[in-house]
C-alpha atoms as a PDB file:
ATOM      1  CA  MET A   1     115.979 146.094  98.811  1.00  0.00           C
ATOM      2  CA  LYS A   2     115.026 147.013 102.351  1.00  0.00           C
ATOM      3  CA  ILE A   3     113.486 145.451 105.453  1.00  0.00           C
ATOM      4  CA  GLN A   4     109.870 146.489 105.968  1.00  0.00           C
ATOM      5  CA  THR A   5     108.018 146.096 109.265  1.00  0.00           C
ATOM      6  CA  ASN A   6     104.241 145.717 109.031  1.00  0.00           C
ATOM      7  CA  VAL A   7     102.927 145.693 112.628  1.00  0.00           C
ATOM      8  CA  GLY A   8      99.829 147.497 111.360  1.00  0.00           C
ATOM      9  CA  TYR A   9      98.811 144.260 109.649  1.00  0.00           C
ATOM     10  CA  LEU A  10      98.840 142.214 112.844  1.00  0.00           C
ATOM     11  CA  ASP A  11      95.189 141.165 112.472  1.00  0.00           C
ATOM     12  CA  ASN A  12      95.906 139.841 108.972  1.00  0.00           C
ATOM     13  CA  TYR A  13      98.883 137.914 110.292  1.00  0.00           C
ATOM     14  CA  LYS A  14      96.732 136.355 113.014  1.00  0.00           C
ATOM     15  CA  THR A  15      94.373 135.193 110.267  1.00  0.00           C
ATOM     16  CA  TYR A  16      97.459 133.812 108.473  1.00  0.00           C
ATOM     17  CA  LEU A  17      98.120 131.666 111.566  1.00  0.00           C
ATOM     18  CA  GLN A  18      94.477 130.535 111.746  1.00  0.00           C
ATOM     19  CA  ILE A  19      94.596 129.412 108.114  1.00  0.00           C
ATOM     20  CA  GLU A  20      97.882 127.607 108.750  1.00  0.00           C
ATOM     21  CA  GLU A  21      96.306 125.739 111.668  1.00  0.00           C
ATOM     22  CA  ALA A  22      93.256 124.864 109.561  1.00  0.00           C
ATOM     23  CA  VAL A  23      95.438 123.449 106.767  1.00  0.00           C
ATOM     24  CA  HIS A  24      97.403 121.290 109.213  1.00  0.00           C
ATOM     25  CA  GLU A  25      94.162 120.046 110.783  1.00  0.00           C
ATOM     26  CA  PHE A  26      92.518 119.274 107.451  1.00  0.00           C
ATOM     27  CA  LEU A  27      95.485 117.407 106.001  1.00  0.00           C
ATOM     28  CA  LYS A  28      96.021 115.444 109.216  1.00  0.00           C
ATOM     29  CA  LYS A  29      92.366 114.335 109.123  1.00  0.00           C
ATOM     30  CA  LYS A  30      92.884 113.234 105.523  1.00  0.00           C
ATOM     31  CA  GLY A  31      95.853 111.084 106.494  1.00  0.00           C
ATOM     32  CA  TYR A  32      98.742 113.209 105.213  1.00  0.00           C
ATOM     33  CA  LEU A  33     102.077 113.198 107.032  1.00  0.00           C
ATOM     34  CA  LYS A  34     103.703 116.598 107.616  1.00  0.00           C
ATOM     35  CA  ILE A  35     107.319 116.633 106.392  1.00  0.00           C
ATOM     36  CA  ASP A  36     110.136 118.956 107.459  1.00  0.00           C
ATOM     37  CA  LEU A  37     112.548 119.529 104.560  1.00  0.00           C
ATOM     38  CA  PRO A  38     115.783 121.359 103.697  1.00  0.00           C
ATOM     39  CA  VAL A  39     115.624 124.550 101.643  1.00  0.00           C
ATOM     40  CA  LEU A  40     119.157 124.074 100.274  1.00  0.00           C
ATOM     41  CA  SER A  41     120.052 121.402  97.725  1.00  0.00           C
ATOM     42  CA  PRO A  42     123.192 120.524  95.702  1.00  0.00           C
ATOM     43  CA  ALA A  43     121.031 119.820  92.610  1.00  0.00           C
ATOM     44  CA  LEU A  44     117.622 120.809  91.278  1.00  0.00           C
ATOM     45  CA  ILE A  45     114.957 119.737  88.830  1.00  0.00           C
ATOM     46  CA  PRO A  46     115.581 121.733  85.625  1.00  0.00           C
ATOM     47  CA  GLU A  47     112.683 124.064  84.858  1.00  0.00           C
ATOM     48  CA  SER A  48     113.082 126.480  81.960  1.00  0.00           C
ATOM     49  CA  TYR A  49     110.379 128.903  83.076  1.00  0.00           C
ATOM     50  CA  LEU A  50     111.904 129.989  86.387  1.00  0.00           C
ATOM     51  CA  GLU A  51     115.213 131.223  87.777  1.00  0.00           C
ATOM     52  CA  ILE A  52     116.771 130.104  91.044  1.00  0.00           C
ATOM     53  CA  PHE A  53     119.057 131.417  93.798  1.00  0.00           C
ATOM     54  CA  GLU A  54     122.627 130.105  93.864  1.00  0.00           C
ATOM     55  CA  THR A  55     124.902 130.124  96.892  1.00  0.00           C
ATOM     56  CA  LYS A  56     128.031 128.320  98.012  1.00  0.00           C
ATOM     57  CA  PHE A  57     129.107 126.157 100.942  1.00  0.00           C
ATOM     58  CA  LYS A  58     132.666 126.870 102.085  1.00  0.00           C
ATOM     59  CA  TYR A  59     134.884 125.024 104.525  1.00  0.00           C
ATOM     60  CA  PHE A  60     138.584 125.901 104.203  1.00  0.00           C
ATOM     61  CA  ASP A  61     139.473 124.831 100.653  1.00  0.00           C
ATOM     62  CA  LYS A  62     136.253 122.881 100.147  1.00  0.00           C
ATOM     63  CA  LYS A  63     133.649 124.697  98.062  1.00  0.00           C
ATOM     64  CA  GLU A  64     130.341 123.383  96.811  1.00  0.00           C
ATOM     65  CA  LYS A  65     127.486 125.126  95.038  1.00  0.00           C
ATOM     66  CA  LEU A  66     124.085 124.937  96.677  1.00  0.00           C
ATOM     67  CA  TYR A  67     120.697 126.190  95.533  1.00  0.00           C
ATOM     68  CA  LEU A  68     117.641 127.456  97.365  1.00  0.00           C
ATOM     69  CA  THR A  69     114.775 125.168  96.417  1.00  0.00           C
ATOM     70  CA  PRO A  70     111.997 126.665  94.233  1.00  0.00           C
ATOM     71  CA  SER A  71     109.727 123.850  95.436  1.00  0.00           C
ATOM     72  CA  PRO A  72     109.984 120.796  97.727  1.00  0.00           C
ATOM     73  CA  GLU A  73     109.162 118.379  94.898  1.00  0.00           C
ATOM     74  CA  LEU A  74     112.612 116.832  94.523  1.00  0.00           C
ATOM     75  CA  PHE A  75     112.526 115.780  98.197  1.00  0.00           C
ATOM     76  CA  LEU A  76     108.898 114.720  98.573  1.00  0.00           C
ATOM     77  CA  LYS A  77     108.927 112.420  95.553  1.00  0.00           C
ATOM     78  CA  ARG A  78     111.974 110.602  96.915  1.00  0.00           C
ATOM     79  CA  LEU A  79     109.972 109.931 100.069  1.00  0.00           C
ATOM     80  CA  LEU A  80     106.990 108.764  98.009  1.00  0.00           C
ATOM     81  CA  VAL A  81     109.220 106.278  96.187  1.00  0.00           C
ATOM     82  CA  ALA A  82     110.422 105.059  99.579  1.00  0.00           C
ATOM     83  CA  GLY A  83     106.805 104.302 100.506  1.00  0.00           C
ATOM     84  CA  ILE A  84     106.002 107.120 102.929  1.00  0.00           C
ATOM     85  CA  GLY A  85     102.491 107.590 101.503  1.00  0.00           C
ATOM     86  CA  ASN A  86     100.428 110.768 101.394  1.00  0.00           C
ATOM     87  CA  CYS A  87     102.556 113.670 102.622  1.00  0.00           C
ATOM     88  CA  TYR A  88     102.860 117.446 102.614  1.00  0.00           C
ATOM     89  CA  TYR A  89     105.197 120.373 103.195  1.00  0.00           C
ATOM     90  CA  LEU A  90     104.270 123.871 104.325  1.00  0.00           C
ATOM     91  CA  GLY A  91     107.310 126.123 104.313  1.00  0.00           C
ATOM     92  CA  LYS A  92     109.619 128.407 102.391  1.00  0.00           C
ATOM     93  CA  ALA A  93     110.393 128.287  98.667  1.00  0.00           C
ATOM     94  CA  PHE A  94     112.457 130.685  96.538  1.00  0.00           C
ATOM     95  CA  ARG A  95     112.277 131.960  92.959  1.00  0.00           C
ATOM     96  CA  ASN A  96     114.614 134.531  91.447  1.00  0.00           C
ATOM     97  CA  SER A  97     114.417 137.105  88.627  1.00  0.00           C
ATOM     98  CA  GLU A  98     110.812 138.072  89.236  1.00  0.00           C
ATOM     99  CA  PRO A  99     110.205 141.549  90.664  1.00  0.00           C
ATOM    100  CA  ASN A 100     108.514 141.840  94.021  1.00  0.00           C
ATOM    101  CA  SER A 101     104.912 142.794  93.402  1.00  0.00           C
ATOM    102  CA  THR A 102     101.506 142.853  95.017  1.00  0.00           C
ATOM    103  CA  TRP A 103     101.205 139.082  94.448  1.00  0.00           C
ATOM    104  CA  HIS A 104     104.790 137.751  94.448  1.00  0.00           C
ATOM    105  CA  LEU A 105     107.869 137.783  96.684  1.00  0.00           C
ATOM    106  CA  ALA A 106     111.174 136.065  95.889  1.00  0.00           C
ATOM    107  CA  GLU A 107     110.878 134.215  99.231  1.00  0.00           C
ATOM    108  CA  PHE A 108     107.396 132.844  99.745  1.00  0.00           C
ATOM    109  CA  THR A 109     105.484 130.153 101.608  1.00  0.00           C
ATOM    110  CA  MET A 110     104.372 127.101  99.656  1.00  0.00           C
ATOM    111  CA  LEU A 111     101.956 124.346 100.522  1.00  0.00           C
ATOM    112  CA  GLU A 112     102.776 121.226  98.516  1.00  0.00           C
ATOM    113  CA  PHE A 113     101.159 117.833  99.041  1.00  0.00           C
ATOM    114  CA  TYR A 114     100.916 114.475  97.269  1.00  0.00           C
ATOM    115  CA  LYS A 115      98.151 111.907  97.321  1.00  0.00           C
ATOM    116  CA  VAL A 116      98.592 108.348  96.072  1.00  0.00           C
ATOM    117  CA  GLY A 117      96.029 106.683  93.809  1.00  0.00           C
ATOM    118  CA  VAL A 118      94.202 109.760  92.480  1.00  0.00           C
ATOM    119  CA  ASN A 119      94.441 111.885  89.338  1.00  0.00           C
ATOM    120  CA  TYR A 120      94.526 115.658  88.968  1.00  0.00           C
ATOM    121  CA  LEU A 121      90.774 116.207  88.768  1.00  0.00           C
ATOM    122  CA  GLU A 122      90.146 113.928  91.754  1.00  0.00           C
ATOM    123  CA  LEU A 123      92.628 115.890  93.857  1.00  0.00           C
ATOM    124  CA  ALA A 124      90.928 119.095  92.683  1.00  0.00           C
ATOM    125  CA  ASP A 125      87.819 117.932  94.568  1.00  0.00           C
ATOM    126  CA  GLU A 126      89.858 117.554  97.754  1.00  0.00           C
ATOM    127  CA  VAL A 127      91.443 121.004  97.313  1.00  0.00           C
ATOM    128  CA  LEU A 128      87.959 122.494  97.019  1.00  0.00           C
ATOM    129  CA  GLU A 129      87.000 120.647 100.189  1.00  0.00           C
ATOM    130  CA  MET A 130      90.032 122.174 101.946  1.00  0.00           C
ATOM    131  CA  LEU A 131      89.002 125.671 100.828  1.00  0.00           C
ATOM    132  CA  GLN A 132      85.523 125.018 102.236  1.00  0.00           C
ATOM    133  CA  PHE A 133      87.063 123.811 105.508  1.00  0.00           C
ATOM    134  CA  ILE A 134      89.159 126.986 105.842  1.00  0.00           C
ATOM    135  CA  ALA A 135      86.192 129.233 105.031  1.00  0.00           C
ATOM    136  CA  ASN A 136      84.012 127.486 107.628  1.00  0.00           C
ATOM    137  CA  ARG A 137      86.763 127.699 110.228  1.00  0.00           C
ATOM    138  CA  LEU A 138      87.227 131.454 109.700  1.00  0.00           C
ATOM    139  CA  ASN A 139      83.468 132.091 109.400  1.00  0.00           C
ATOM    140  CA  ARG A 140      83.943 135.427 107.670  1.00  0.00           C
ATOM    141  CA  PRO A 141      80.729 137.077 106.482  1.00  0.00           C
ATOM    142  CA  GLY A 142      80.782 139.216 103.376  1.00  0.00           C
ATOM    143  CA  MET A 143      83.162 137.130 101.267  1.00  0.00           C
ATOM    144  CA  THR A 144      82.472 137.637  97.561  1.00  0.00           C
ATOM    145  CA  ILE A 145      83.639 134.137  96.596  1.00  0.00           C
ATOM    146  CA  SER A 146      81.852 130.848  97.273  1.00  0.00           C
ATOM    147  CA  PHE A 147      83.700 127.536  97.518  1.00  0.00           C
ATOM    148  CA  ASP A 148      80.622 125.411  96.861  1.00  0.00           C
ATOM    149  CA  LYS A 149      81.938 124.398  93.439  1.00  0.00           C
ATOM    150  CA  TRP A 150      84.559 125.042  90.759  1.00  0.00           C
ATOM    151  CA  GLU A 151      83.913 127.048  87.646  1.00  0.00           C
ATOM    152  CA  LYS A 152      85.651 124.649  85.239  1.00  0.00           C
ATOM    153  CA  LEU A 153      87.308 125.730  81.984  1.00  0.00           C
ATOM    154  CA  SER A 154      89.744 123.780  79.854  1.00  0.00           C
ATOM    155  CA  VAL A 155      92.726 125.794  78.622  1.00  0.00           C
ATOM    156  CA  ALA A 156      91.385 125.410  75.062  1.00  0.00           C
ATOM    157  CA  GLU A 157      87.991 126.782  76.128  1.00  0.00           C
ATOM    158  CA  ALA A 158      89.579 129.716  77.964  1.00  0.00           C
ATOM    159  CA  PHE A 159      91.824 130.712  75.049  1.00  0.00           C
ATOM    160  CA  ASN A 160      88.883 130.506  72.653  1.00  0.00           C
ATOM    161  CA  LYS A 161      86.526 132.429  74.948  1.00  0.00           C
ATOM    162  CA  TYR A 162      88.839 135.198  76.132  1.00  0.00           C
ATOM    163  CA  ALA A 163      91.617 135.436  73.511  1.00  0.00           C
ATOM    164  CA  ALA A 164      89.837 134.318  70.316  1.00  0.00           C
ATOM    165  CA  ILE A 165      92.421 131.561  69.765  1.00  0.00           C
ATOM    166  CA  ASN A 166      90.789 128.318  68.713  1.00  0.00           C
ATOM    167  CA  GLU A 167      91.895 124.807  69.673  1.00  0.00           C
ATOM    168  CA  LYS A 168      93.655 124.164  66.351  1.00  0.00           C
ATOM    169  CA  GLU A 169      95.717 127.350  66.768  1.00  0.00           C
ATOM    170  CA  LEU A 170      96.440 126.680  70.429  1.00  0.00           C
ATOM    171  CA  PHE A 171      97.980 123.250  69.879  1.00  0.00           C
ATOM    172  CA  ASN A 172      99.953 124.126  66.732  1.00  0.00           C
ATOM    173  CA  GLN A 173     103.043 126.156  67.561  1.00  0.00           C
ATOM    174  CA  LYS A 174     103.355 127.791  64.121  1.00  0.00           C
ATOM    175  CA  LEU A 175      99.697 128.787  64.021  1.00  0.00           C
ATOM    176  CA  PHE A 176      99.840 130.002  67.615  1.00  0.00           C
ATOM    177  CA  ILE A 177     102.884 132.210  66.999  1.00  0.00           C
ATOM    178  CA  LYS A 178     101.235 133.592  63.841  1.00  0.00           C
ATOM    179  CA  LYS A 179      98.101 134.415  65.855  1.00  0.00           C
ATOM    180  CA  ALA A 180     100.217 136.108  68.544  1.00  0.00           C
ATOM    181  CA  LYS A 181     101.868 138.222  65.848  1.00  0.00           C
ATOM    182  CA  ASN A 182      98.463 139.223  64.500  1.00  0.00           C
ATOM    183  CA  LYS A 183      97.537 140.258  68.043  1.00  0.00           C
ATOM    184  CA  GLU A 184     100.664 142.497  68.021  1.00  0.00           C
ATOM    185  CA  TYR A 185     102.705 140.535  70.543  1.00  0.00           C
ATOM    186  CA  LYS A 186     106.460 140.737  69.945  1.00  0.00           C
ATOM    187  CA  ILE A 187     107.443 137.360  68.538  1.00  0.00           C
ATOM    188  CA  ASN A 188     111.123 137.981  67.753  1.00  0.00           C
ATOM    189  CA  GLY A 189     113.126 135.680  70.026  1.00  0.00           C
ATOM    190  CA  ALA A 190     109.962 134.561  71.817  1.00  0.00           C
ATOM    191  CA  SER A 191     109.145 130.876  72.158  1.00  0.00           C
ATOM    192  CA  TYR A 192     105.733 129.226  72.070  1.00  0.00           C
ATOM    193  CA  GLU A 193     105.920 128.939  75.855  1.00  0.00           C
ATOM    194  CA  ASP A 194     106.778 132.645  76.232  1.00  0.00           C
ATOM    195  CA  LEU A 195     103.860 133.761  74.085  1.00  0.00           C
ATOM    196  CA  PHE A 196     101.458 131.326  75.763  1.00  0.00           C
ATOM    197  CA  SER A 197     102.382 132.802  79.154  1.00  0.00           C
ATOM    198  CA  GLN A 198     102.036 136.383  77.894  1.00  0.00           C
ATOM    199  CA  ILE A 199      98.592 135.843  76.379  1.00  0.00           C
ATOM    200  CA  LEU A 200      97.451 133.874  79.421  1.00  0.00           C
ATOM    201  CA  ALA A 201      98.587 136.666  81.764  1.00  0.00           C
ATOM    202  CA  GLN A 202      97.289 139.557  79.663  1.00  0.00           C
ATOM    203  CA  GLU A 203      93.996 138.312  78.260  1.00  0.00           C
ATOM    204  CA  ILE A 204      92.799 135.344  80.291  1.00  0.00           C
ATOM    205  CA  GLU A 205      93.951 135.281  83.914  1.00  0.00           C
ATOM    206  CA  PRO A 206      92.396 138.664  84.875  1.00  0.00           C
ATOM    207  CA  ARG A 207      88.968 137.195  83.985  1.00  0.00           C
ATOM    208  CA  LEU A 208      89.241 133.987  86.014  1.00  0.00           C
ATOM    209  CA  GLY A 209      87.668 133.379  89.402  1.00  0.00           C
ATOM    210  CA  LYS A 210      85.409 136.401  89.090  1.00  0.00           C
ATOM    211  CA  ASN A 211      82.021 134.766  88.582  1.00  0.00           C
ATOM    212  CA  GLY A 212      81.418 134.029  92.254  1.00  0.00           C
ATOM    213  CA  TYR A 213      83.405 130.781  92.321  1.00  0.00           C
ATOM    214  CA  PRO A 214      87.092 129.842  91.951  1.00  0.00           C
ATOM    215  CA  THR A 215      87.995 128.888  88.379  1.00  0.00           C
ATOM    216  CA  LEU A 216      89.686 125.574  87.670  1.00  0.00           C
ATOM    217  CA  LEU A 217      91.736 125.849  84.454  1.00  0.00           C
ATOM    218  CA  TYR A 218      92.710 122.373  83.227  1.00  0.00           C
ATOM    219  CA  ASP A 219      94.418 120.395  80.430  1.00  0.00           C
ATOM    220  CA  TYR A 220      97.491 122.410  79.479  1.00  0.00           C
ATOM    221  CA  PRO A 221      99.563 122.025  76.303  1.00  0.00           C
ATOM    222  CA  ARG A 222     102.237 119.388  76.836  1.00  0.00           C
ATOM    223  CA  GLU A 223     104.989 122.011  76.352  1.00  0.00           C
ATOM    224  CA  LEU A 224     103.881 123.746  79.553  1.00  0.00           C
ATOM    225  CA  SER A 225     104.080 120.725  81.864  1.00  0.00           C
ATOM    226  CA  SER A 226     107.523 119.203  82.342  1.00  0.00           C
ATOM    227  CA  LEU A 227     106.515 117.094  85.362  1.00  0.00           C
ATOM    228  CA  ALA A 228     102.941 116.108  84.502  1.00  0.00           C
ATOM    229  CA  LYS A 229     101.625 112.904  82.967  1.00  0.00           C
ATOM    230  CA  LEU A 230     100.196 113.277  79.483  1.00  0.00           C
ATOM    231  CA  SER A 231      96.615 112.357  78.619  1.00  0.00           C
ATOM    232  CA  LYS A 232      95.933 109.090  76.795  1.00  0.00           C
ATOM    233  CA  ASN A 233      96.000 110.863  73.410  1.00  0.00           C
ATOM    234  CA  ARG A 234      99.216 112.652  74.513  1.00  0.00           C
ATOM    235  CA  LYS A 235      97.776 115.947  73.318  1.00  0.00           C
ATOM    236  CA  VAL A 236      97.503 117.643  76.706  1.00  0.00           C
ATOM    237  CA  ALA A 237      99.096 117.306  80.108  1.00  0.00           C
ATOM    238  CA  GLU A 238      96.967 116.340  83.117  1.00  0.00           C
ATOM    239  CA  ARG A 239      97.606 119.644  84.841  1.00  0.00           C
ATOM    240  CA  CYS A 240      95.295 122.311  86.249  1.00  0.00           C
ATOM    241  CA  GLU A 241      95.579 125.670  88.019  1.00  0.00           C
ATOM    242  CA  PHE A 242      92.979 127.503  90.061  1.00  0.00           C
ATOM    243  CA  TYR A 243      92.241 131.214  90.209  1.00  0.00           C
ATOM    244  CA  ILE A 244      90.368 133.468  92.591  1.00  0.00           C
ATOM    245  CA  ASN A 245      89.621 137.098  91.698  1.00  0.00           C
ATOM    246  CA  GLY A 246      92.026 136.938  88.756  1.00  0.00           C
ATOM    247  CA  LEU A 247      94.885 135.625  90.902  1.00  0.00           C
ATOM    248  CA  GLU A 248      96.533 132.238  90.350  1.00  0.00           C
ATOM    249  CA  VAL A 249      96.564 130.593  93.776  1.00  0.00           C
ATOM    250  CA  GLY A 250      97.714 127.039  93.081  1.00  0.00           C
ATOM    251  CA  GLY A 251      97.738 124.058  90.789  1.00  0.00           C
ATOM    252  CA  PHE A 252      98.086 120.289  90.593  1.00  0.00           C
ATOM    253  CA  CYS A 253      98.985 117.606  88.103  1.00  0.00           C
ATOM    254  CA  THR A 254      98.949 113.851  87.733  1.00  0.00           C
ATOM    255  CA  GLU A 255     102.616 113.106  88.338  1.00  0.00           C
ATOM    256  CA  LEU A 256     104.791 111.655  85.615  1.00  0.00           C
ATOM    257  CA  ASN A 257     106.254 108.390  86.922  1.00  0.00           C
ATOM    258  CA  ASN A 258     107.932 107.070  83.773  1.00  0.00           C
ATOM    259  CA  TYR A 259     111.618 107.657  84.438  1.00  0.00           C
ATOM    260  CA  LYS A 260     112.624 107.434  80.771  1.00  0.00           C
ATOM    261  CA  GLU A 261     110.111 110.112  79.776  1.00  0.00           C
ATOM    262  CA  GLN A 262     111.124 112.241  82.769  1.00  0.00           C
ATOM    263  CA  GLU A 263     114.812 111.983  81.879  1.00  0.00           C
ATOM    264  CA  LYS A 264     114.011 113.040  78.311  1.00  0.00           C
ATOM    265  CA  ARG A 265     112.116 116.077  79.572  1.00  0.00           C
ATOM    266  CA  PHE A 266     114.944 116.977  81.971  1.00  0.00           C
ATOM    267  CA  ILE A 267     117.354 117.105  79.037  1.00  0.00           C
ATOM    268  CA  GLN A 268     114.952 119.294  77.060  1.00  0.00           C
ATOM    269  CA  GLU A 269     114.382 121.640  79.989  1.00  0.00           C
ATOM    270  CA  SER A 270     118.111 121.893  80.697  1.00  0.00           C
ATOM    271  CA  LYS A 271     118.749 122.895  77.075  1.00  0.00           C
ATOM    272  CA  LYS A 272     116.046 125.545  77.316  1.00  0.00           C
ATOM    273  CA  ARG A 273     117.635 126.904  80.509  1.00  0.00           C
ATOM    274  CA  LYS A 274     120.971 127.287  78.735  1.00  0.00           C
ATOM    275  CA  LYS A 275     119.288 128.924  75.748  1.00  0.00           C
ATOM    276  CA  ASN A 276     117.491 131.355  78.058  1.00  0.00           C
ATOM    277  CA  LYS A 277     120.818 132.065  79.851  1.00  0.00           C
ATOM    278  CA  LEU A 278     119.501 130.966  83.232  1.00  0.00           C
ATOM    279  CA  ILE A 279     121.797 129.697  85.987  1.00  0.00           C
ATOM    280  CA  ASN A 280     123.293 126.396  84.831  1.00  0.00           C
ATOM    281  CA  HIS A 281     122.631 124.463  88.036  1.00  0.00           C
ATOM    282  CA  ALA A 282     123.426 120.813  88.655  1.00  0.00           C
ATOM    283  CA  ILE A 283     120.616 118.521  87.498  1.00  0.00           C
ATOM    284  CA  ASP A 284     119.068 116.273  90.109  1.00  0.00           C
ATOM    285  CA  LYS A 285     120.003 112.944  88.529  1.00  0.00           C
ATOM    286  CA  GLY A 286     119.210 111.237  91.805  1.00  0.00           C
ATOM    287  CA  PHE A 287     115.579 112.163  91.182  1.00  0.00           C
ATOM    288  CA  ILE A 288     115.619 110.046  88.012  1.00  0.00           C
ATOM    289  CA  GLU A 289     117.329 107.196  89.863  1.00  0.00           C
ATOM    290  CA  ALA A 290     114.589 107.325  92.485  1.00  0.00           C
ATOM    291  CA  LEU A 291     111.897 107.118  89.802  1.00  0.00           C
ATOM    292  CA  LYS A 292     113.526 103.936  88.481  1.00  0.00           C
ATOM    293  CA  TYR A 293     112.490 102.218  91.711  1.00  0.00           C
ATOM    294  CA  GLY A 294     108.880 103.088  90.949  1.00  0.00           C
ATOM    295  CA  LEU A 295     106.725 106.050  91.870  1.00  0.00           C
ATOM    296  CA  LEU A 296     103.141 105.014  92.569  1.00  0.00           C
ATOM    297  CA  ASP A 297     100.392 106.722  90.579  1.00  0.00           C
ATOM    298  CA  CYS A 298      99.767 109.961  92.428  1.00  0.00           C
ATOM    299  CA  THR A 299      98.909 113.627  92.095  1.00  0.00           C
ATOM    300  CA  GLY A 300     100.740 116.571  93.592  1.00  0.00           C
ATOM    301  CA  ALA A 301      99.406 120.018  94.471  1.00  0.00           C
ATOM    302  CA  GLY A 302     101.289 123.261  94.956  1.00  0.00           C
ATOM    303  CA  ILE A 303      99.519 126.262  96.509  1.00  0.00           C
ATOM    304  CA  GLY A 304     100.929 129.724  97.128  1.00  0.00           C
ATOM    305  CA  PHE A 305     100.039 129.966 100.789  1.00  0.00           C
ATOM    306  CA  ASP A 306     100.567 133.734 101.037  1.00  0.00           C
ATOM    307  CA  ARG A 307      98.187 134.262  98.097  1.00  0.00           C
ATOM    308  CA  LEU A 308      95.644 131.974  99.744  1.00  0.00           C
ATOM    309  CA  VAL A 309      95.784 134.152 102.859  1.00  0.00           C
ATOM    310  CA  MET A 310      95.336 137.256 100.678  1.00  0.00           C
ATOM    311  CA  ILE A 311      92.024 135.833  99.471  1.00  0.00           C
ATOM    312  CA  PHE A 312      90.682 135.112 102.949  1.00  0.00           C
ATOM    313  CA  THR A 313      91.856 138.438 104.398  1.00  0.00           C
ATOM    314  CA  ASN A 314      90.557 140.344 101.363  1.00  0.00           C
ATOM    315  CA  VAL A 315      93.753 142.353 100.839  1.00  0.00           C
ATOM    316  CA  ASP A 316      95.264 143.499  97.549  1.00  0.00           C
ATOM    317  CA  SER A 317      98.952 142.934  98.303  1.00  0.00           C
ATOM    318  CA  ILE A 318     100.998 140.046  99.635  1.00  0.00           C
ATOM    319  CA  ASP A 319     102.999 142.277 101.994  1.00  0.00           C
ATOM    320  CA  LYS A 320      99.786 142.949 103.944  1.00  0.00           C
ATOM    321  CA  VAL A 321      99.665 139.409 105.344  1.00  0.00           C
ATOM    322  CA  LYS A 322     103.202 139.422 106.782  1.00  0.00           C
ATOM    323  CA  LEU A 323     104.835 141.269 109.669  1.00  0.00           C
ATOM    324  CA  ILE A 324     108.302 141.464 108.069  1.00  0.00           C
ATOM    325  CA  ASN A 325     109.102 141.716 104.351  1.00  0.00           C
ATOM    326  CA  ILE A 326     112.200 142.176 102.269  1.00  0.00           C
ATOM    327  CA  LEU A 327     111.173 144.597  99.535  1.00  0.00           C
END
């Protein structure tokens, strides 16, 4: 890797700052409290679909493993349990074992916020309102995307429309894997989650957010949502993602607040991490203890801020919105 200086993209970076100011203004008006958080933690939420960065604190003979946080969730939910109310974080997050690309860097900026008393689709309306607020603040003519509404597609509808996988096949792991094999995906050693992600990335995502409006993809299979509340029929998780010009920009879910269910999922995710030979980090058991005190019904949103800036600056690579990159 090397250090890259991008002074030629100064105008884009100034737009980055304008969008940052607009987000702070919008969330303040909506009653959210801005939270400053650590980026190092002695324990993390186990998530089988991402790798993390491990480091070590040293003081003479004392040594302790620490981890760069892939999201601020483990901190913000503790504060929600303590009664802090609607809150947000805009700062650094870190995810390992993914190559730097036009849309991803190992160190990136994340906007994550939580609102009490709403579900995932209700918060989606507020996210759309925030996108409208940013667009009005920038007042950029010639944008090819309108934020007047969502184009809404359930995951089942999207897989049927773009990948010819019907609802019965989507929600049955054996049928889904068989269908993936018929589509000539390599299934040896691949899990349902792996194949879902591959088909989503290859056949569906490139077509989303390209009809003049951002696409809201909602109601994911329960296997793909370790921190989301399940629907009443427990068939899908109350989770959605949104896409603009084929790029996933962010997502939100109705937060799981049943500590017993969350503990069960932590154990499952931890086993998957070991099976996938990911870093065996300490599990944030304190997170479960916090949930025992009672997390109010709420929804959380996570938005890749750098990707959001890419959309509003109309650039094709994430490095074009920053002045310094590690590539």
